[in-house]
N, C-alpha and C. Protein backbone atom coordinates (compact mmCIF):
# COMPACT_ATOMS: atom_id res chain seq x y z
N MET A 1 11.85 30.26 33.92
CA MET A 1 12.17 29.72 32.44
C MET A 1 10.83 28.87 32.52
N ARG A 2 10.30 28.85 31.09
CA ARG A 2 9.32 27.85 30.92
C ARG A 2 10.01 26.65 30.18
N ILE A 3 9.60 25.37 30.52
CA ILE A 3 10.26 24.32 30.01
C ILE A 3 9.34 23.81 29.16
N ILE A 4 9.77 23.32 27.98
CA ILE A 4 9.05 22.57 26.92
C ILE A 4 9.56 21.18 26.80
N ASN A 5 8.50 20.52 26.64
CA ASN A 5 8.76 18.72 26.52
C ASN A 5 9.38 18.18 27.96
N THR A 6 8.58 18.71 28.78
CA THR A 6 8.69 18.12 30.35
C THR A 6 8.18 16.84 30.40
N SER A 7 7.64 16.00 29.30
CA SER A 7 7.26 14.58 29.04
C SER A 7 8.33 13.65 29.03
N LEU A 8 9.37 14.40 28.37
CA LEU A 8 10.86 13.37 28.63
C LEU A 8 11.38 13.41 29.95
N LEU A 9 11.15 14.40 30.84
CA LEU A 9 11.53 14.10 32.32
C LEU A 9 10.51 13.50 32.93
N GLU A 10 9.39 13.34 32.58
CA GLU A 10 8.47 12.46 33.30
C GLU A 10 8.57 11.01 33.02
N GLU A 11 8.71 10.64 31.53
CA GLU A 11 8.95 9.28 31.07
C GLU A 11 10.35 8.95 31.63
N PHE A 12 11.42 9.49 31.89
CA PHE A 12 12.77 9.01 32.39
C PHE A 12 12.55 8.99 33.88
N GLY A 13 11.89 9.78 34.60
CA GLY A 13 11.50 9.55 35.97
C GLY A 13 11.10 8.29 36.35
N HIS A 14 10.04 7.85 35.41
CA HIS A 14 8.98 6.84 35.88
C HIS A 14 9.94 5.59 35.55
N SER A 15 10.70 5.42 34.60
CA SER A 15 11.61 4.23 33.85
C SER A 15 13.01 4.17 34.80
N HIS A 16 13.40 5.62 35.77
CA HIS A 16 14.43 5.56 36.54
C HIS A 16 13.99 6.12 38.07
N PRO A 17 13.35 5.63 38.77
CA PRO A 17 12.74 5.97 39.99
C PRO A 17 13.79 6.63 40.69
N GLN A 18 15.17 6.13 40.80
CA GLN A 18 16.35 6.63 41.56
C GLN A 18 16.66 8.02 41.46
N VAL A 19 16.15 8.69 40.01
CA VAL A 19 16.39 9.96 39.99
C VAL A 19 15.16 10.83 39.88
N GLU A 20 13.99 10.28 40.00
CA GLU A 20 12.83 11.03 39.73
C GLU A 20 12.80 12.30 40.81
N GLN A 21 13.22 12.40 42.00
CA GLN A 21 13.31 13.43 43.07
C GLN A 21 14.22 14.35 42.40
N PHE A 22 15.49 14.06 42.11
CA PHE A 22 16.36 14.91 41.56
C PHE A 22 15.72 15.59 40.26
N LEU A 23 14.93 15.14 39.24
CA LEU A 23 14.22 15.60 38.51
C LEU A 23 13.34 16.73 38.64
N LYS A 24 12.69 16.42 39.71
CA LYS A 24 11.60 17.31 40.52
C LYS A 24 12.30 18.72 40.75
N CYS A 25 13.40 18.53 41.50
CA CYS A 25 14.10 19.51 41.86
C CYS A 25 14.70 20.68 40.86
N TRP A 26 15.29 19.60 39.82
CA TRP A 26 15.94 20.64 38.79
C TRP A 26 14.93 21.36 38.04
N ARG A 27 13.50 20.81 37.81
CA ARG A 27 12.58 21.51 37.36
C ARG A 27 12.20 22.57 37.82
N TYR A 28 12.02 22.46 39.31
CA TYR A 28 11.41 23.43 40.13
C TYR A 28 12.29 24.57 40.16
N GLU A 29 13.54 24.42 40.02
CA GLU A 29 14.76 25.33 40.20
C GLU A 29 15.00 25.79 39.17
N VAL A 30 14.81 25.51 37.54
CA VAL A 30 15.06 26.09 36.51
C VAL A 30 13.75 26.82 36.05
N GLN A 31 12.53 26.48 36.57
CA GLN A 31 11.18 27.17 36.43
C GLN A 31 11.44 28.45 37.23
N ALA A 32 11.87 28.55 38.36
CA ALA A 32 12.11 29.57 39.05
C ALA A 32 13.08 30.74 38.63
N LYS A 33 14.16 30.55 37.54
CA LYS A 33 14.86 31.33 36.81
C LYS A 33 14.27 32.06 36.04
N THR A 34 15.04 33.38 35.55
CA THR A 34 14.81 34.38 34.19
C THR A 34 16.23 34.44 33.78
N TRP A 35 16.78 33.41 33.18
CA TRP A 35 18.20 33.68 32.56
C TRP A 35 18.39 34.70 31.41
N SER A 36 19.08 35.35 31.21
CA SER A 36 19.31 35.99 29.88
C SER A 36 20.52 35.79 29.19
N CYS A 37 21.47 35.20 29.71
CA CYS A 37 22.53 34.76 29.09
C CYS A 37 23.24 33.25 29.89
N TYR A 38 24.26 32.84 29.32
CA TYR A 38 24.61 31.45 29.78
C TYR A 38 25.62 31.81 30.86
N GLN A 39 26.07 32.84 31.24
CA GLN A 39 26.62 33.08 32.53
C GLN A 39 25.66 33.07 33.43
N ASP A 40 24.26 33.27 33.23
CA ASP A 40 23.28 33.28 34.54
C ASP A 40 22.89 31.88 34.82
N VAL A 41 23.14 30.91 33.58
CA VAL A 41 22.85 29.61 34.01
C VAL A 41 24.10 29.18 34.83
N LEU A 42 25.13 29.68 34.59
CA LEU A 42 26.65 28.99 35.28
C LEU A 42 26.48 29.27 36.92
N LYS A 43 25.77 30.33 37.00
CA LYS A 43 25.73 30.93 38.44
C LYS A 43 24.97 30.01 39.27
N ASN A 44 23.90 29.44 38.61
CA ASN A 44 22.85 28.68 39.10
C ASN A 44 23.31 26.96 39.24
N PHE A 45 23.86 26.55 37.87
CA PHE A 45 24.43 25.55 37.86
C PHE A 45 25.94 25.42 37.25
N PRO A 46 26.88 25.51 38.17
CA PRO A 46 28.37 25.71 37.81
C PRO A 46 29.08 24.66 36.93
N ARG A 47 28.23 23.34 37.18
CA ARG A 47 28.92 22.26 36.22
C ARG A 47 28.00 22.02 34.96
N ALA A 48 27.12 22.86 34.70
CA ALA A 48 26.57 22.73 33.38
C ALA A 48 27.49 22.97 32.17
N MET A 49 27.51 22.20 31.15
CA MET A 49 28.25 22.29 29.96
C MET A 49 27.57 23.17 28.93
N ILE A 50 27.96 24.30 28.82
CA ILE A 50 27.58 25.21 27.64
C ILE A 50 28.26 24.97 26.15
N MET A 51 27.42 25.04 25.19
CA MET A 51 27.58 24.89 23.64
C MET A 51 27.02 25.72 22.91
N LYS A 52 27.54 25.60 21.71
CA LYS A 52 26.78 26.48 20.48
C LYS A 52 26.54 27.90 20.97
N GLY A 53 27.48 28.69 21.31
CA GLY A 53 27.39 29.91 21.57
C GLY A 53 26.47 30.43 22.94
N GLY A 54 26.31 29.31 23.73
CA GLY A 54 25.54 29.40 24.72
C GLY A 54 24.12 29.10 24.81
N GLU A 55 23.69 28.76 23.70
CA GLU A 55 22.16 28.11 23.62
C GLU A 55 22.20 26.64 24.00
N ALA A 56 23.01 25.81 23.77
CA ALA A 56 22.70 24.46 24.03
C ALA A 56 23.49 24.52 25.39
N VAL A 57 22.66 23.75 26.22
CA VAL A 57 23.26 23.58 27.67
C VAL A 57 22.90 22.12 28.17
N SER A 58 24.03 21.40 28.74
CA SER A 58 23.67 20.01 29.28
C SER A 58 23.86 20.40 30.94
N PHE A 59 22.76 19.92 31.52
CA PHE A 59 22.89 19.97 33.04
C PHE A 59 23.14 18.68 33.77
N GLU A 60 24.13 18.69 34.46
CA GLU A 60 24.40 17.40 35.33
C GLU A 60 23.66 17.30 36.15
N LEU A 61 22.78 16.09 36.33
CA LEU A 61 21.73 15.68 37.39
C LEU A 61 22.02 15.09 38.15
N LEU A 62 23.06 14.02 37.86
CA LEU A 62 23.61 13.05 38.83
C LEU A 62 25.06 13.16 38.53
N PRO A 63 25.94 13.68 39.40
CA PRO A 63 27.51 13.42 38.84
C PRO A 63 27.94 12.16 38.19
N ASN A 64 28.37 12.46 37.03
CA ASN A 64 28.83 11.46 36.05
C ASN A 64 27.92 10.26 35.56
N ASP A 65 26.38 10.71 35.96
CA ASP A 65 25.62 9.52 35.73
C ASP A 65 24.44 10.01 34.65
N CYS A 66 24.01 11.13 34.94
CA CYS A 66 22.52 11.55 34.39
C CYS A 66 22.66 12.92 33.92
N TYR A 67 22.63 13.37 32.72
CA TYR A 67 22.25 14.58 32.38
C TYR A 67 21.31 14.90 31.25
N ILE A 68 20.78 16.19 31.51
CA ILE A 68 19.54 16.63 30.65
C ILE A 68 20.17 17.65 29.68
N PHE A 69 20.09 17.45 28.29
CA PHE A 69 20.49 18.30 27.22
C PHE A 69 19.38 19.23 27.06
N SER A 70 19.48 20.55 26.59
CA SER A 70 18.58 21.43 26.36
C SER A 70 19.16 22.60 25.65
N ILE A 71 18.12 23.12 24.86
CA ILE A 71 18.15 24.29 24.19
C ILE A 71 17.69 25.80 24.83
N LEU A 72 18.57 26.57 25.00
CA LEU A 72 17.92 27.73 25.91
C LEU A 72 17.69 28.91 24.63
N HIS A 73 16.26 29.52 25.04
CA HIS A 73 16.00 30.51 24.09
C HIS A 73 15.84 31.94 24.99
N TYR A 74 16.77 32.55 25.38
CA TYR A 74 17.08 33.18 26.67
C TYR A 74 16.01 34.43 26.43
N ASN A 75 15.62 35.23 24.97
CA ASN A 75 15.10 36.26 24.87
C ASN A 75 13.40 35.71 25.39
N ALA A 76 13.04 34.69 24.92
CA ALA A 76 11.62 34.08 24.97
C ALA A 76 11.64 33.48 26.46
N LYS A 77 12.60 33.14 27.35
CA LYS A 77 12.80 32.50 28.56
C LYS A 77 12.09 31.34 28.52
N ILE A 78 12.40 30.50 27.49
CA ILE A 78 12.17 29.10 27.11
C ILE A 78 13.10 28.13 27.40
N LEU A 79 13.05 26.98 27.94
CA LEU A 79 14.14 25.93 27.95
C LEU A 79 13.50 24.97 27.10
N VAL A 80 14.28 24.32 26.14
CA VAL A 80 13.23 23.19 25.52
C VAL A 80 14.46 21.97 25.65
N ILE A 81 13.80 20.83 26.25
CA ILE A 81 14.73 19.61 26.79
C ILE A 81 14.64 18.74 25.40
N LYS A 82 15.62 18.45 25.00
CA LYS A 82 16.13 17.66 23.65
C LYS A 82 16.78 16.44 24.14
N GLY A 83 16.81 15.99 25.37
CA GLY A 83 17.33 14.58 25.86
C GLY A 83 17.61 14.46 27.24
N ILE A 84 17.80 13.23 27.52
CA ILE A 84 17.96 13.23 28.94
C ILE A 84 18.63 11.54 29.04
N GLY A 85 19.81 11.61 29.95
CA GLY A 85 20.46 10.03 30.01
C GLY A 85 21.78 10.39 30.06
N SER A 86 22.64 9.24 29.90
CA SER A 86 24.23 9.32 30.40
C SER A 86 24.88 10.44 29.59
N LEU A 87 26.14 10.34 29.97
CA LEU A 87 26.77 11.79 29.18
C LEU A 87 26.93 11.04 27.87
N HIS A 88 27.23 9.58 27.63
CA HIS A 88 27.43 9.08 26.16
C HIS A 88 26.30 9.10 25.31
N GLN A 89 25.24 9.22 25.99
CA GLN A 89 23.85 9.22 25.25
C GLN A 89 23.68 10.79 24.78
N ILE A 90 23.91 11.58 25.75
CA ILE A 90 23.93 12.98 25.52
C ILE A 90 24.86 13.41 24.58
N LEU A 91 26.19 12.82 24.41
CA LEU A 91 27.11 13.63 23.47
C LEU A 91 26.57 12.88 22.15
N SER A 92 25.88 11.87 22.15
CA SER A 92 25.51 11.08 20.92
C SER A 92 24.42 12.16 20.21
N LEU A 93 23.84 12.87 20.86
CA LEU A 93 22.82 13.67 20.48
C LEU A 93 23.78 14.85 19.37
N LYS A 94 24.76 14.99 19.75
CA LYS A 94 25.58 16.02 18.88
C LYS A 94 25.75 15.48 17.65
N ASN A 95 26.10 14.12 17.72
CA ASN A 95 26.20 13.52 16.25
C ASN A 95 25.19 13.54 15.71
N GLN A 96 23.80 13.71 16.04
CA GLN A 96 22.55 13.59 15.23
C GLN A 96 22.08 15.45 15.26
N SER A 97 23.12 16.32 15.23
CA SER A 97 22.84 17.63 14.90
C SER A 97 21.92 18.38 15.82
N ILE A 98 21.67 17.71 16.91
CA ILE A 98 20.68 18.12 17.78
C ILE A 98 21.75 19.63 18.47
N PHE A 99 22.88 19.73 18.49
CA PHE A 99 23.59 21.03 18.97
C PHE A 99 23.55 22.04 18.03
N LEU A 100 23.14 21.82 16.77
CA LEU A 100 22.91 23.14 15.91
C LEU A 100 21.64 24.13 16.54
N GLN A 101 22.07 25.07 16.32
CA GLN A 101 21.03 26.15 16.87
C GLN A 101 19.98 26.30 16.20
N GLU A 102 18.82 26.17 17.06
CA GLU A 102 17.50 26.45 16.37
C GLU A 102 17.24 27.69 16.08
N GLN A 103 16.62 27.86 14.88
CA GLN A 103 16.19 29.22 13.95
C GLN A 103 14.84 29.20 14.03
N GLY A 104 14.36 30.59 13.97
CA GLY A 104 13.14 30.64 13.45
C GLY A 104 11.76 30.11 14.13
N HIS A 105 11.88 29.29 15.53
CA HIS A 105 10.96 28.83 16.33
C HIS A 105 10.23 30.00 17.26
N ALA A 106 9.13 30.02 17.12
CA ALA A 106 8.31 30.75 17.98
C ALA A 106 7.47 30.26 19.11
N TYR A 107 7.71 30.17 20.54
CA TYR A 107 6.76 29.89 21.35
C TYR A 107 5.89 31.04 22.22
N SER A 108 4.44 30.30 22.32
CA SER A 108 3.74 31.19 22.88
C SER A 108 4.24 31.32 24.51
N SER A 109 4.09 32.54 25.21
CA SER A 109 4.60 32.72 26.53
C SER A 109 3.53 32.51 27.52
N HIS A 110 2.42 31.75 26.88
CA HIS A 110 1.20 31.41 27.83
C HIS A 110 1.38 29.50 28.00
């Protein structure tokens, strides 16, 4: 999968060095995948929270501590990072309508 908004991971890793290695491992593993549906995601990340018809996915980076929230565009093989933080912070994104399915966005495959 191609990851969009990796700067969010880098910024979070710099300000939270205790999770930097976990972020690198997560990024490496996601980039090596080509998911075509949310069931594929759950095979690799069984603790992922799948929302909004499978397009919105929250990955648990550290148990009960750090999560990555993303939108998956399965056909384009793109994962867009929308936020990273505690479960409370990720759930607050829901209140900001980030959980709404994105429509009409085209991403280059390069």
